[in-house]
C-alpha atoms as a PDB file:
ATOM      1  CA  MET A   1      -0.041   8.705  18.162  1.00  0.00           C
ATOM      2  CA  ASP A   2       0.061   5.600  15.986  1.00  0.00           C
ATOM      3  CA  LEU A   3       1.417   6.330  12.504  1.00  0.00           C
ATOM      4  CA  ALA A   4       0.550   2.944  11.006  1.00  0.00           C
ATOM      5  CA  LEU A   5      -1.546  -0.164  11.067  1.00  0.00           C
ATOM      6  CA  SER A   6       0.414  -3.387  11.046  1.00  0.00           C
ATOM      7  CA  SER A   7      -0.395  -6.954  10.154  1.00  0.00           C
ATOM      8  CA  PRO A   8      -0.559  -9.320  13.157  1.00  0.00           C
ATOM      9  CA  ILE A   9       0.253 -12.226  10.813  1.00  0.00           C
ATOM     10  CA  LEU A  10       3.442 -10.601   9.537  1.00  0.00           C
ATOM     11  CA  ARG A  11       4.392  -9.259  12.957  1.00  0.00           C
ATOM     12  CA  SER A  12       4.038 -12.702  14.535  1.00  0.00           C
ATOM     13  CA  ALA A  13       6.402 -14.043  11.879  1.00  0.00           C
ATOM     14  CA  GLY A  14       9.002 -11.438  12.870  1.00  0.00           C
ATOM     15  CA  PHE A  15       8.652  -8.929  10.036  1.00  0.00           C
ATOM     16  CA  ILE A  16       8.713  -5.137  10.371  1.00  0.00           C
ATOM     17  CA  ASN A  17       5.654  -3.979   8.456  1.00  0.00           C
ATOM     18  CA  GLY A  18       3.203  -1.126   8.356  1.00  0.00           C
ATOM     19  CA  PHE A  19       0.445   0.604   6.427  1.00  0.00           C
ATOM     20  CA  SER A  20       0.727   4.324   7.103  1.00  0.00           C
ATOM     21  CA  LEU A  21      -2.146   6.393   8.460  1.00  0.00           C
ATOM     22  CA  ARG A  22      -2.916  10.023   7.645  1.00  0.00           C
ATOM     23  CA  GLU A  23      -2.058  11.753  10.934  1.00  0.00           C
ATOM     24  CA  GLY A  24       1.271  12.408  12.625  1.00  0.00           C
ATOM     25  CA  GLY A  25       3.199  14.115   9.828  1.00  0.00           C
ATOM     26  CA  ALA A  26       4.607  17.546   8.967  1.00  0.00           C
ATOM     27  CA  SER A  27       2.706  18.271   5.744  1.00  0.00           C
ATOM     28  CA  ARG A  28       0.066  20.993   5.640  1.00  0.00           C
ATOM     29  CA  GLY A  29      -2.956  21.989   3.613  1.00  0.00           C
ATOM     30  CA  HIS A  30      -4.286  19.378   1.186  1.00  0.00           C
ATOM     31  CA  PHE A  31      -1.449  17.028   2.106  1.00  0.00           C
ATOM     32  CA  ALA A  32      -1.905  17.185   5.871  1.00  0.00           C
ATOM     33  CA  SER A  33      -0.285  15.471   7.473  1.00  0.00           C
ATOM     34  CA  LEU A  34       1.700  12.221   6.942  1.00  0.00           C
ATOM     35  CA  ASN A  35       1.922  12.433   3.152  1.00  0.00           C
ATOM     36  CA  LEU A  36       4.562   9.962   1.918  1.00  0.00           C
ATOM     37  CA  GLY A  37       4.205  10.732  -1.798  1.00  0.00           C
ATOM     38  CA  ARG A  38       7.296  12.503  -3.156  1.00  0.00           C
ATOM     39  CA  ALA A  39       6.142  14.069  -6.443  1.00  0.00           C
ATOM     40  CA  LEU A  40       2.709  15.490  -5.741  1.00  0.00           C
ATOM     41  CA  GLY A  41       3.523  19.153  -5.135  1.00  0.00           C
ATOM     42  CA  ASP A  42       3.977  18.840  -1.386  1.00  0.00           C
ATOM     43  CA  ASP A  43       6.957  20.571   0.233  1.00  0.00           C
ATOM     44  CA  SER A  44       9.901  18.173  -0.181  1.00  0.00           C
ATOM     45  CA  VAL A  45      11.267  19.071   3.259  1.00  0.00           C
ATOM     46  CA  ASN A  46       7.987  18.058   4.863  1.00  0.00           C
ATOM     47  CA  VAL A  47       7.807  14.848   2.851  1.00  0.00           C
ATOM     48  CA  GLU A  48      11.316  13.892   3.931  1.00  0.00           C
ATOM     49  CA  GLU A  49      10.408  14.620   7.556  1.00  0.00           C
ATOM     50  CA  ASN A  50       7.337  12.416   7.153  1.00  0.00           C
ATOM     51  CA  HIS A  51       9.503   9.570   5.883  1.00  0.00           C
ATOM     52  CA  GLN A  52      11.869   9.969   8.812  1.00  0.00           C
ATOM     53  CA  ARG A  53       9.000   9.910  11.317  1.00  0.00           C
ATOM     54  CA  PHE A  54       7.473   6.831   9.714  1.00  0.00           C
ATOM     55  CA  ALA A  55      10.840   5.070   9.670  1.00  0.00           C
ATOM     56  CA  ARG A  56      11.437   5.804  13.348  1.00  0.00           C
ATOM     57  CA  ALA A  57       7.947   4.585  14.251  1.00  0.00           C
ATOM     58  CA  LEU A  58       8.391   1.256  12.452  1.00  0.00           C
ATOM     59  CA  GLY A  59      12.103   0.763  13.029  1.00  0.00           C
ATOM     60  CA  TYR A  60      13.731   0.743   9.598  1.00  0.00           C
ATOM     61  CA  ASP A  61      16.343   2.917   7.868  1.00  0.00           C
ATOM     62  CA  ALA A  62      14.620   5.570   5.712  1.00  0.00           C
ATOM     63  CA  ALA A  63      17.755   5.858   3.571  1.00  0.00           C
ATOM     64  CA  ARG A  64      17.405   2.172   2.592  1.00  0.00           C
ATOM     65  CA  LEU A  65      13.767   2.295   1.505  1.00  0.00           C
ATOM     66  CA  PHE A  66      13.245   1.032  -2.041  1.00  0.00           C
ATOM     67  CA  GLU A  67      10.327   2.333  -4.105  1.00  0.00           C
ATOM     68  CA  VAL A  68       9.542   2.414  -7.826  1.00  0.00           C
ATOM     69  CA  THR A  69       7.551   4.569 -10.234  1.00  0.00           C
ATOM     70  CA  GLN A  70       4.189   2.787 -10.159  1.00  0.00           C
ATOM     71  CA  VAL A  71       2.336   2.405 -13.463  1.00  0.00           C
ATOM     72  CA  HIS A  72      -0.576  -0.002 -12.772  1.00  0.00           C
ATOM     73  CA  GLY A  73       1.201  -2.819 -14.548  1.00  0.00           C
ATOM     74  CA  ALA A  74       2.550  -6.244 -13.621  1.00  0.00           C
ATOM     75  CA  VAL A  75       6.325  -5.722 -13.514  1.00  0.00           C
ATOM     76  CA  VAL A  76       8.147  -6.953 -10.401  1.00  0.00           C
ATOM     77  CA  ARG A  77      11.505  -5.397  -9.468  1.00  0.00           C
ATOM     78  CA  SER A  78      13.891  -7.488  -7.365  1.00  0.00           C
ATOM     79  CA  VAL A  79      16.419  -5.317  -5.506  1.00  0.00           C
ATOM     80  CA  ALA A  80      19.811  -6.250  -4.092  1.00  0.00           C
ATOM     81  CA  GLY A  81      21.661  -4.800  -1.145  1.00  0.00           C
ATOM     82  CA  ASP A  82      24.264  -3.004  -3.273  1.00  0.00           C
ATOM     83  CA  GLU A  83      21.766  -0.853  -5.201  1.00  0.00           C
ATOM     84  CA  GLU A  84      20.936   2.814  -4.699  1.00  0.00           C
ATOM     85  CA  PRO A  85      17.300   3.511  -3.709  1.00  0.00           C
ATOM     86  CA  ARG A  86      17.157   6.817  -5.629  1.00  0.00           C
ATOM     87  CA  THR A  87      18.137   5.037  -8.838  1.00  0.00           C
ATOM     88  CA  VAL A  88      15.537   2.311  -8.416  1.00  0.00           C
ATOM     89  CA  ARG A  89      12.852   4.896  -7.627  1.00  0.00           C
ATOM     90  CA  VAL A  90      12.657   6.086 -11.254  1.00  0.00           C
ATOM     91  CA  GLU A  91      12.135   2.586 -12.659  1.00  0.00           C
ATOM     92  CA  ARG A  92       8.625   1.591 -13.751  1.00  0.00           C
ATOM     93  CA  ALA A  93       7.139  -1.346 -11.847  1.00  0.00           C
ATOM     94  CA  ASP A  94       4.378  -2.189  -9.366  1.00  0.00           C
ATOM     95  CA  ALA A  95       6.017  -4.637  -6.981  1.00  0.00           C
ATOM     96  CA  LEU A  96       9.378  -4.961  -5.256  1.00  0.00           C
ATOM     97  CA  VAL A  97      11.140  -7.989  -3.803  1.00  0.00           C
ATOM     98  CA  SER A  98      14.094  -7.917  -1.400  1.00  0.00           C
ATOM     99  CA  SER A  99      16.128 -10.336   0.714  1.00  0.00           C
ATOM    100  CA  THR A 100      18.593  -7.845   2.203  1.00  0.00           C
ATOM    101  CA  VAL A 101      18.375  -7.380   5.956  1.00  0.00           C
ATOM    102  CA  GLY A 102      18.573  -3.648   6.676  1.00  0.00           C
ATOM    103  CA  ASP A 103      16.661  -2.661   3.536  1.00  0.00           C
ATOM    104  CA  ALA A 104      12.913  -2.136   3.159  1.00  0.00           C
ATOM    105  CA  VAL A 105      10.498  -2.125   0.226  1.00  0.00           C
ATOM    106  CA  GLY A 106       7.327  -0.105  -0.065  1.00  0.00           C
ATOM    107  CA  VAL A 107       4.497   0.907  -2.378  1.00  0.00           C
ATOM    108  CA  ARG A 108       2.428   4.092  -2.318  1.00  0.00           C
ATOM    109  CA  VAL A 109      -1.367   4.060  -2.364  1.00  0.00           C
ATOM    110  CA  ALA A 110      -4.316   6.415  -2.073  1.00  0.00           C
ATOM    111  CA  ASP A 111      -7.120   3.914  -2.832  1.00  0.00           C
ATOM    112  CA  CYS A 112      -5.336   0.994  -4.519  1.00  0.00           C
ATOM    113  CA  LEU A 113      -4.878  -2.184  -2.523  1.00  0.00           C
ATOM    114  CA  PRO A 114      -1.456  -2.592  -0.865  1.00  0.00           C
ATOM    115  CA  LEU A 115      -0.276  -6.164  -0.425  1.00  0.00           C
ATOM    116  CA  LEU A 116       2.711  -7.207   1.682  1.00  0.00           C
ATOM    117  CA  ILE A 117       4.162 -10.712   1.375  1.00  0.00           C
ATOM    118  CA  ALA A 118       6.864 -12.394   3.471  1.00  0.00           C
ATOM    119  CA  ASP A 119       8.637 -15.734   3.320  1.00  0.00           C
ATOM    120  CA  ALA A 120       8.921 -17.059   6.865  1.00  0.00           C
ATOM    121  CA  ARG A 121      11.592 -19.586   5.841  1.00  0.00           C
ATOM    122  CA  THR A 122      14.037 -17.313   3.974  1.00  0.00           C
ATOM    123  CA  GLY A 123      13.114 -13.859   5.328  1.00  0.00           C
ATOM    124  CA  ARG A 124      12.472 -12.580   1.787  1.00  0.00           C
ATOM    125  CA  VAL A 125       9.693  -9.985   1.319  1.00  0.00           C
ATOM    126  CA  ALA A 126       7.609  -8.243  -1.326  1.00  0.00           C
ATOM    127  CA  ALA A 127       5.482  -5.097  -1.487  1.00  0.00           C
ATOM    128  CA  VAL A 128       2.797  -5.002  -4.171  1.00  0.00           C
ATOM    129  CA  HIS A 129       0.724  -2.121  -5.599  1.00  0.00           C
ATOM    130  CA  CYS A 130      -2.643  -3.655  -6.551  1.00  0.00           C
ATOM    131  CA  GLY A 131      -4.840  -1.282  -8.508  1.00  0.00           C
ATOM    132  CA  TRP A 132      -7.594  -2.989 -10.464  1.00  0.00           C
ATOM    133  CA  ARG A 133      -5.536  -2.892 -13.666  1.00  0.00           C
ATOM    134  CA  SER A 134      -2.586  -4.537 -11.928  1.00  0.00           C
ATOM    135  CA  VAL A 135      -4.855  -7.162 -10.378  1.00  0.00           C
ATOM    136  CA  ALA A 136      -6.369  -7.895 -13.793  1.00  0.00           C
ATOM    137  CA  GLY A 137      -2.859  -7.993 -15.240  1.00  0.00           C
ATOM    138  CA  ALA A 138      -1.732 -10.672 -12.744  1.00  0.00           C
ATOM    139  CA  ILE A 139       0.592  -8.622 -10.515  1.00  0.00           C
ATOM    140  CA  VAL A 140      -0.073 -10.975  -7.578  1.00  0.00           C
ATOM    141  CA  GLU A 141       0.815 -14.031  -9.636  1.00  0.00           C
ATOM    142  CA  ALA A 142       3.916 -12.305 -11.035  1.00  0.00           C
ATOM    143  CA  THR A 143       5.110 -11.378  -7.545  1.00  0.00           C
ATOM    144  CA  VAL A 144       4.681 -14.876  -6.137  1.00  0.00           C
ATOM    145  CA  ALA A 145       6.385 -16.280  -9.242  1.00  0.00           C
ATOM    146  CA  SER A 146       9.326 -13.935  -8.635  1.00  0.00           C
ATOM    147  CA  LEU A 147       9.591 -15.108  -5.040  1.00  0.00           C
ATOM    148  CA  VAL A 148       9.427 -18.752  -6.089  1.00  0.00           C
ATOM    149  CA  ALA A 149      12.125 -18.169  -8.728  1.00  0.00           C
ATOM    150  CA  LEU A 150      14.378 -16.917  -5.920  1.00  0.00           C
ATOM    151  CA  GLY A 151      13.787 -20.049  -3.844  1.00  0.00           C
ATOM    152  CA  SER A 152      10.594 -19.319  -1.886  1.00  0.00           C
ATOM    153  CA  ARG A 153       7.779 -21.844  -1.520  1.00  0.00           C
ATOM    154  CA  PRO A 154       4.109 -20.758  -1.534  1.00  0.00           C
ATOM    155  CA  GLN A 155       3.380 -22.706   1.652  1.00  0.00           C
ATOM    156  CA  ASP A 156       5.960 -20.586   3.510  1.00  0.00           C
ATOM    157  CA  LEU A 157       4.484 -17.251   2.455  1.00  0.00           C
ATOM    158  CA  TYR A 158       2.562 -14.902   4.733  1.00  0.00           C
ATOM    159  CA  ALA A 159       0.485 -12.075   3.257  1.00  0.00           C
ATOM    160  CA  ALA A 160      -1.368  -8.988   4.443  1.00  0.00           C
ATOM    161  CA  ILE A 161      -3.846  -6.717   2.687  1.00  0.00           C
ATOM    162  CA  GLY A 162      -3.878  -3.100   3.837  1.00  0.00           C
ATOM    163  CA  PRO A 163      -6.435  -0.287   3.767  1.00  0.00           C
ATOM    164  CA  HIS A 164      -7.845   0.546   0.325  1.00  0.00           C
ATOM    165  CA  ILE A 165     -11.094   1.570  -1.326  1.00  0.00           C
ATOM    166  CA  ARG A 166     -13.561  -1.144  -0.334  1.00  0.00           C
ATOM    167  CA  ALA A 167     -16.658  -2.532  -1.990  1.00  0.00           C
ATOM    168  CA  CYS A 168     -18.814   0.031  -0.189  1.00  0.00           C
ATOM    169  CA  CYS A 169     -17.215   2.784  -2.307  1.00  0.00           C
ATOM    170  CA  PHE A 170     -15.477   1.233  -5.304  1.00  0.00           C
ATOM    171  CA  GLU A 171     -17.955   1.897  -8.105  1.00  0.00           C
ATOM    172  CA  VAL A 172     -16.754   0.699 -11.501  1.00  0.00           C
ATOM    173  CA  GLY A 173     -18.072   0.041 -14.999  1.00  0.00           C
ATOM    174  CA  ASP A 174     -19.170  -3.266 -16.456  1.00  0.00           C
ATOM    175  CA  GLU A 175     -15.951  -3.419 -18.469  1.00  0.00           C
ATOM    176  CA  VAL A 176     -13.908  -3.435 -15.268  1.00  0.00           C
ATOM    177  CA  VAL A 177     -16.017  -6.248 -13.855  1.00  0.00           C
ATOM    178  CA  ALA A 178     -15.434  -8.212 -17.055  1.00  0.00           C
ATOM    179  CA  GLU A 179     -11.665  -7.762 -16.793  1.00  0.00           C
ATOM    180  CA  LEU A 180     -11.591  -8.738 -13.130  1.00  0.00           C
ATOM    181  CA  SER A 181     -13.850 -11.749 -13.667  1.00  0.00           C
ATOM    182  CA  ARG A 182     -11.103 -13.329 -15.774  1.00  0.00           C
ATOM    183  CA  VAL A 183      -8.721 -13.431 -12.784  1.00  0.00           C
ATOM    184  CA  ALA A 184     -11.129 -13.896  -9.845  1.00  0.00           C
ATOM    185  CA  HIS A 185     -11.001 -17.726  -9.716  1.00  0.00           C
ATOM    186  CA  GLY A 186     -14.789 -17.840  -9.429  1.00  0.00           C
ATOM    187  CA  VAL A 187     -14.991 -15.861  -6.188  1.00  0.00           C
ATOM    188  CA  SER A 188     -17.916 -13.468  -5.727  1.00  0.00           C
ATOM    189  CA  PHE A 189     -16.576  -9.912  -5.776  1.00  0.00           C
ATOM    190  CA  VAL A 190     -19.428  -7.720  -7.080  1.00  0.00           C
ATOM    191  CA  ARG A 191     -21.513  -5.996  -4.409  1.00  0.00           C
ATOM    192  CA  ALA A 192     -24.670  -3.890  -4.414  1.00  0.00           C
ATOM    193  CA  GLY A 193     -23.947  -0.209  -3.907  1.00  0.00           C
ATOM    194  CA  ALA A 194     -25.492   3.226  -3.767  1.00  0.00           C
ATOM    195  CA  THR A 195     -26.023   3.366  -7.538  1.00  0.00           C
ATOM    196  CA  SER A 196     -27.043   0.920 -10.227  1.00  0.00           C
ATOM    197  CA  LYS A 197     -23.403   0.427 -11.242  1.00  0.00           C
ATOM    198  CA  PRO A 198     -21.314  -2.465  -9.942  1.00  0.00           C
ATOM    199  CA  TYR A 199     -19.201  -2.111  -6.794  1.00  0.00           C
ATOM    200  CA  VAL A 200     -16.272  -4.466  -6.442  1.00  0.00           C
ATOM    201  CA  ALA A 201     -14.210  -5.981  -3.633  1.00  0.00           C
ATOM    202  CA  LEU A 202     -10.593  -6.147  -4.775  1.00  0.00           C
ATOM    203  CA  SER A 203      -9.642  -7.894  -1.541  1.00  0.00           C
ATOM    204  CA  ALA A 204     -11.855 -10.860  -2.421  1.00  0.00           C
ATOM    205  CA  ILE A 205     -10.049 -11.270  -5.750  1.00  0.00           C
ATOM    206  CA  VAL A 206      -6.562 -10.894  -4.285  1.00  0.00           C
ATOM    207  CA  GLY A 207      -7.429 -13.395  -1.560  1.00  0.00           C
ATOM    208  CA  ALA A 208      -8.648 -15.876  -4.165  1.00  0.00           C
ATOM    209  CA  GLN A 209      -5.485 -15.386  -6.197  1.00  0.00           C
ATOM    210  CA  LEU A 210      -3.255 -16.036  -3.196  1.00  0.00           C
ATOM    211  CA  ASP A 211      -5.239 -19.168  -2.379  1.00  0.00           C
ATOM    212  CA  ALA A 212      -4.936 -20.425  -5.966  1.00  0.00           C
ATOM    213  CA  LEU A 213      -1.183 -19.874  -5.799  1.00  0.00           C
ATOM    214  CA  GLY A 214      -0.902 -22.081  -2.721  1.00  0.00           C
ATOM    215  CA  VAL A 215      -0.520 -19.436  -0.018  1.00  0.00           C
ATOM    216  CA  PRO A 216      -2.365 -20.840   3.041  1.00  0.00           C
ATOM    217  CA  ALA A 217      -5.443 -18.825   4.034  1.00  0.00           C
ATOM    218  CA  ALA A 218      -4.429 -19.118   7.694  1.00  0.00           C
ATOM    219  CA  GLN A 219      -1.264 -17.178   6.815  1.00  0.00           C
ATOM    220  CA  CYS A 220      -3.119 -14.227   5.287  1.00  0.00           C
ATOM    221  CA  ASP A 221      -4.845 -11.310   6.986  1.00  0.00           C
ATOM    222  CA  ASP A 222      -6.485  -7.981   6.229  1.00  0.00           C
ATOM    223  CA  THR A 223      -6.070  -4.868   8.364  1.00  0.00           C
ATOM    224  CA  GLY A 224      -9.441  -3.466   7.287  1.00  0.00           C
ATOM    225  CA  GLY A 225     -10.169   0.179   6.560  1.00  0.00           C
ATOM    226  CA  CYS A 226     -11.786   1.903   3.568  1.00  0.00           C
ATOM    227  CA  THR A 227      -9.699   4.824   2.325  1.00  0.00           C
ATOM    228  CA  ARG A 228     -12.615   6.657   0.743  1.00  0.00           C
ATOM    229  CA  CYS A 229     -14.957   6.297   3.731  1.00  0.00           C
ATOM    230  CA  ASP A 230     -12.568   7.361   6.476  1.00  0.00           C
ATOM    231  CA  ALA A 231     -11.169  10.833   5.754  1.00  0.00           C
ATOM    232  CA  ALA A 232      -9.793  11.160   9.287  1.00  0.00           C
ATOM    233  CA  ARG A 233      -7.425   8.203   8.901  1.00  0.00           C
ATOM    234  CA  PHE A 234      -6.812   7.916   5.166  1.00  0.00           C
ATOM    235  CA  PHE A 235      -5.986   9.827   2.007  1.00  0.00           C
ATOM    236  CA  SER A 236      -8.186   8.962  -0.976  1.00  0.00           C
ATOM    237  CA  PHE A 237      -7.736   9.900  -4.622  1.00  0.00           C
ATOM    238  CA  ARG A 238     -11.318   8.842  -5.389  1.00  0.00           C
ATOM    239  CA  ARG A 239     -12.575  11.238  -2.716  1.00  0.00           C
ATOM    240  CA  ASP A 240     -10.118  14.150  -3.009  1.00  0.00           C
ATOM    241  CA  GLY A 241      -8.560  13.887  -6.475  1.00  0.00           C
ATOM    242  CA  ALA A 242      -5.199  15.584  -7.022  1.00  0.00           C
ATOM    243  CA  ALA A 243      -5.353  17.066  -3.523  1.00  0.00           C
ATOM    244  CA  SER A 244      -4.790  13.633  -2.015  1.00  0.00           C
ATOM    245  CA  GLY A 245      -1.582  12.601  -0.291  1.00  0.00           C
ATOM    246  CA  ARG A 246      -0.198   9.072  -0.436  1.00  0.00           C
ATOM    247  CA  HIS A 247       0.177   6.264   2.066  1.00  0.00           C
ATOM    248  CA  LEU A 248       3.126   3.892   2.212  1.00  0.00           C
ATOM    249  CA  ALA A 249       2.829   0.146   2.704  1.00  0.00           C
ATOM    250  CA  LEU A 250       6.195  -1.156   3.861  1.00  0.00           C
ATOM    251  CA  ILE A 251       7.906  -4.382   4.820  1.00  0.00           C
ATOM    252  CA  ALA A 252      11.527  -5.189   5.704  1.00  0.00           C
ATOM    253  CA  PRO A 253      13.363  -8.474   5.107  1.00  0.00           C
ATOM    254  CA  ARG A 254      14.155 -10.606   8.119  1.00  0.00           C
ATOM    255  CA  GLY A 255      17.188 -12.810   8.693  1.00  0.00           C
ATOM    256  CA  VAL A 256      16.674 -16.552   8.641  1.00  0.00           C
ATOM    257  CA  SER A 257      16.876 -16.671  12.430  1.00  0.00           C
ATOM    258  CA  GLY A 258      14.536 -13.708  12.816  1.00  0.00           C
ATOM    259  CA  GLU A 259      17.090 -10.924  13.158  1.00  0.00           C
ATOM    260  CA  THR A 260      16.595  -7.414  11.746  1.00  0.00           C
ATOM    261  CA  ARG A 261      19.307  -4.785  11.684  1.00  0.00           C
ATOM    262  CA  GLU A 262      19.492  -2.394  14.620  1.00  0.00           C
ATOM    263  CA  LEU A 263      19.293   1.281  13.598  1.00  0.00           C
END
């Protein structure tokens, strides 16, 4: 059983990456089965087992996974190889950057858009939690700026968008459309939906932002998948509320010659 979708673009560049699916875990009840959210009320033993299974499936060290407390903001946390993942986990941010081979960075989602970015020249990576507030607050721009400050170049970056609530289901208010219009670089992102309210495509905005930042379109892909539509494969907060588990979008740094650490 496949536990994740992966980006062909990132995989072809030599990066371990994955967007977790719902099946294949140890959790039960509302959180069945591959819930990777740690503080939702799920049995902690089952959550840890889920993390171990996901790590084995992708090929990274679960003990060296860096996460943060996500707050729908635009703070980027750069992590170094000598830090403790449990300590970083309580910090408030919505994106992580790492260059350390053997580590991994990840963000949790249950409708928000997960974005993974990799620098094919340096092996540096980023994982980004893109809710609409973070997108409006320039989290994508802040993440690319953090990578550039560390020595990356936009033309060397590869990016992948993972499963999230798509325009078919993402009904919002006019005020949200107004906020997103400020950062959409003129791209069309409002769609007709089942009601008279606007429905928006976050992926269109994120794609336009990456393009404006100089990330080549040919180096970006989208795995597809609507979290709200597909209950068999995905958790969804919009669909299930507090009973929803969480997915993990993960990427691991790669050495400059393509090497990753053997587990």
